[in-house]
C-alpha atoms as a PDB file:
ATOM      1  CA  MET A   1      15.387  -2.391   9.609  1.00  0.00           C
ATOM      2  CA  SER A   2      12.263  -4.784   9.966  1.00  0.00           C
ATOM      3  CA  ALA A   3       8.719  -3.840   9.756  1.00  0.00           C
ATOM      4  CA  GLN A   4       5.524  -5.584   9.915  1.00  0.00           C
ATOM      5  CA  VAL A   5       3.520  -4.743   6.699  1.00  0.00           C
ATOM      6  CA  ARG A   6      -0.016  -5.349   6.505  1.00  0.00           C
ATOM      7  CA  ILE A   7      -1.503  -7.207   3.548  1.00  0.00           C
ATOM      8  CA  PRO A   8      -5.296  -6.471   2.334  1.00  0.00           C
ATOM      9  CA  THR A   9      -7.218  -9.449   1.509  1.00  0.00           C
ATOM     10  CA  PRO A  10      -6.789  -9.429  -2.121  1.00  0.00           C
ATOM     11  CA  LEU A  11      -3.104  -9.694  -2.266  1.00  0.00           C
ATOM     12  CA  ARG A  12      -2.808 -12.506   0.441  1.00  0.00           C
ATOM     13  CA  ARG A  13      -2.987 -15.389  -2.062  1.00  0.00           C
ATOM     14  CA  PHE A  14       0.826 -14.442  -2.404  1.00  0.00           C
ATOM     15  CA  THR A  15       1.600 -14.431   1.246  1.00  0.00           C
ATOM     16  CA  GLY A  16       0.040 -17.845   1.563  1.00  0.00           C
ATOM     17  CA  GLY A  17      -3.079 -16.236   3.669  1.00  0.00           C
ATOM     18  CA  ALA A  18      -1.248 -14.095   6.191  1.00  0.00           C
ATOM     19  CA  GLU A  19      -2.588 -10.800   6.821  1.00  0.00           C
ATOM     20  CA  ALA A  20       0.836  -9.315   7.931  1.00  0.00           C
ATOM     21  CA  VAL A  21       4.604 -10.278   7.018  1.00  0.00           C
ATOM     22  CA  SER A  22       8.087  -8.985   8.132  1.00  0.00           C
ATOM     23  CA  ALA A  23       9.917  -7.204   5.797  1.00  0.00           C
ATOM     24  CA  ASP A  24      13.201  -5.773   6.071  1.00  0.00           C
ATOM     25  CA  GLY A  25      14.446  -2.297   4.535  1.00  0.00           C
ATOM     26  CA  ALA A  26      15.105   1.325   5.137  1.00  0.00           C
ATOM     27  CA  THR A  27      12.735   2.723   2.782  1.00  0.00           C
ATOM     28  CA  VAL A  28       9.391   1.306   1.457  1.00  0.00           C
ATOM     29  CA  GLY A  29      10.732   0.669  -1.781  1.00  0.00           C
ATOM     30  CA  ALA A  30      13.257  -1.808  -0.056  1.00  0.00           C
ATOM     31  CA  LEU A  31      10.457  -3.532   2.219  1.00  0.00           C
ATOM     32  CA  VAL A  32       8.522  -4.195  -1.475  1.00  0.00           C
ATOM     33  CA  ASP A  33      11.704  -5.670  -2.883  1.00  0.00           C
ATOM     34  CA  SER A  34      12.076  -7.867   0.710  1.00  0.00           C
ATOM     35  CA  ILE A  35       8.075  -8.659   0.211  1.00  0.00           C
ATOM     36  CA  GLU A  36       8.699  -9.864  -3.178  1.00  0.00           C
ATOM     37  CA  SER A  37      11.633 -11.945  -2.517  1.00  0.00           C
ATOM     38  CA  ASN A  38       9.640 -13.686  -0.326  1.00  0.00           C
ATOM     39  CA  HIS A  39       6.460 -13.723  -2.015  1.00  0.00           C
ATOM     40  CA  PRO A  40       6.972 -13.604  -5.744  1.00  0.00           C
ATOM     41  CA  GLY A  41       4.377 -12.073  -7.887  1.00  0.00           C
ATOM     42  CA  ILE A  42       2.868  -9.295  -5.187  1.00  0.00           C
ATOM     43  CA  LYS A  43       5.358  -6.387  -6.477  1.00  0.00           C
ATOM     44  CA  GLU A  44       3.603  -6.289  -9.827  1.00  0.00           C
ATOM     45  CA  ARG A  45       0.291  -5.812  -8.268  1.00  0.00           C
ATOM     46  CA  LEU A  46       1.719  -2.877  -6.211  1.00  0.00           C
ATOM     47  CA  CYS A  47       3.793  -1.286  -8.627  1.00  0.00           C
ATOM     48  CA  ASP A  48       3.499  -0.598 -12.379  1.00  0.00           C
ATOM     49  CA  GLU A  49       6.284  -1.499 -15.281  1.00  0.00           C
ATOM     50  CA  ALA A  50       7.843   2.277 -14.316  1.00  0.00           C
ATOM     51  CA  GLY A  51       8.857   1.134 -10.501  1.00  0.00           C
ATOM     52  CA  GLU A  52       6.340   3.487  -8.963  1.00  0.00           C
ATOM     53  CA  VAL A  53       3.239   2.707  -6.876  1.00  0.00           C
ATOM     54  CA  ARG A  54       0.074   1.848  -8.869  1.00  0.00           C
ATOM     55  CA  ARG A  55      -2.485   4.700  -8.573  1.00  0.00           C
ATOM     56  CA  PHE A  56      -5.209   2.379  -7.015  1.00  0.00           C
ATOM     57  CA  VAL A  57      -2.586   1.182  -4.316  1.00  0.00           C
ATOM     58  CA  ASN A  58      -2.094   3.268  -1.279  1.00  0.00           C
ATOM     59  CA  ILE A  59       0.954   2.616   1.163  1.00  0.00           C
ATOM     60  CA  PHE A  60       0.694   4.221   4.661  1.00  0.00           C
ATOM     61  CA  VAL A  61       3.536   3.980   7.348  1.00  0.00           C
ATOM     62  CA  ASN A  62       2.323   4.437  10.884  1.00  0.00           C
ATOM     63  CA  GLY A  63      -0.822   5.883   9.236  1.00  0.00           C
ATOM     64  CA  GLU A  64       0.977   8.100   6.936  1.00  0.00           C
ATOM     65  CA  ASP A  65       0.206   8.138   3.165  1.00  0.00           C
ATOM     66  CA  ILE A  66       3.525   7.587   1.468  1.00  0.00           C
ATOM     67  CA  ARG A  67       2.443   9.870  -1.481  1.00  0.00           C
ATOM     68  CA  PHE A  68       2.903  12.678   0.842  1.00  0.00           C
ATOM     69  CA  ILE A  69       6.196  11.682   2.138  1.00  0.00           C
ATOM     70  CA  ASN A  70       8.752  10.386  -0.032  1.00  0.00           C
ATOM     71  CA  ASN A  71       6.751   7.859  -1.900  1.00  0.00           C
ATOM     72  CA  LEU A  72       8.959   4.692  -2.269  1.00  0.00           C
ATOM     73  CA  ASP A  73      12.119   6.412  -0.722  1.00  0.00           C
ATOM     74  CA  THR A  74       9.673   7.375   2.346  1.00  0.00           C
ATOM     75  CA  PRO A  75      11.951   5.875   5.461  1.00  0.00           C
ATOM     76  CA  VAL A  76      11.175   2.930   7.585  1.00  0.00           C
ATOM     77  CA  ASN A  77      12.263   2.568  11.015  1.00  0.00           C
ATOM     78  CA  GLU A  78      12.373  -0.767  13.385  1.00  0.00           C
ATOM     79  CA  GLY A  79       9.012  -1.368  14.202  1.00  0.00           C
ATOM     80  CA  ASP A  80       7.038   1.004  11.836  1.00  0.00           C
ATOM     81  CA  GLU A  81       3.766  -0.678  10.861  1.00  0.00           C
ATOM     82  CA  VAL A  82       3.309  -0.175   6.906  1.00  0.00           C
ATOM     83  CA  SER A  83      -0.408  -0.855   5.482  1.00  0.00           C
ATOM     84  CA  ILE A  84      -1.148  -1.691   2.029  1.00  0.00           C
ATOM     85  CA  VAL A  85      -4.602  -0.791   1.212  1.00  0.00           C
ATOM     86  CA  PRO A  86      -6.113  -0.816  -2.206  1.00  0.00           C
ATOM     87  CA  ALA A  87      -8.249   1.933  -3.260  1.00  0.00           C
ATOM     88  CA  ILE A  88     -11.855   1.555  -3.270  1.00  0.00           C
ATOM     89  CA  ALA A  89     -14.073   3.092  -5.668  1.00  0.00           C
ATOM     90  CA  GLY A  90     -17.816   2.826  -7.017  1.00  0.00           C
ATOM     91  CA  GLY A  91     -21.149   4.162  -6.368  1.00  0.00           C
ATOM     92  CA  SER A  92     -23.163   6.462  -8.770  1.00  0.00           C
ATOM     93  CA  PHE A  93     -23.451  10.327  -8.949  1.00  0.00           C
ATOM     94  CA  CYS A  94     -26.632  11.300  -8.037  1.00  0.00           C
ATOM     95  CA  PRO A  95     -27.260  15.290  -9.090  1.00  0.00           C
ATOM     96  CA  ARG A  96     -29.999  15.946  -6.660  1.00  0.00           C
ATOM     97  CA  LEU A  97     -27.534  14.729  -3.563  1.00  0.00           C
ATOM     98  CA  ALA A  98     -24.853  16.790  -5.122  1.00  0.00           C
ATOM     99  CA  THR A  99     -26.731  20.169  -4.683  1.00  0.00           C
ATOM    100  CA  LEU A 100     -27.853  19.611  -0.850  1.00  0.00           C
ATOM    101  CA  GLY A 101     -26.266  22.466   0.926  1.00  0.00           C
ATOM    102  CA  THR A 102     -26.164  24.588  -1.906  1.00  0.00           C
ATOM    103  CA  PRO A 103     -28.321  27.806  -1.360  1.00  0.00           C
END
């Protein structure tokens, strides 16, 4: 199976600047391996030492988060769009805003 994988800006240095790459595989895990074989170094940014998706990386297949399907075993069909999205964090806690809407 071949799928388009959208690459986030911080990882495009591994894909020669490409915002999307084609990858082959029947599962998301196989796609990650396929990308790694063509763009060495990207897998360690996506997966931890145990081979699981890092907690600050989100991967979607046709808009569905793989964590709610089968993680790296999530099936991929011909023509599916896979998106790699880094988690975004930041800001600060404001106790006053936290009480808005409470009686």
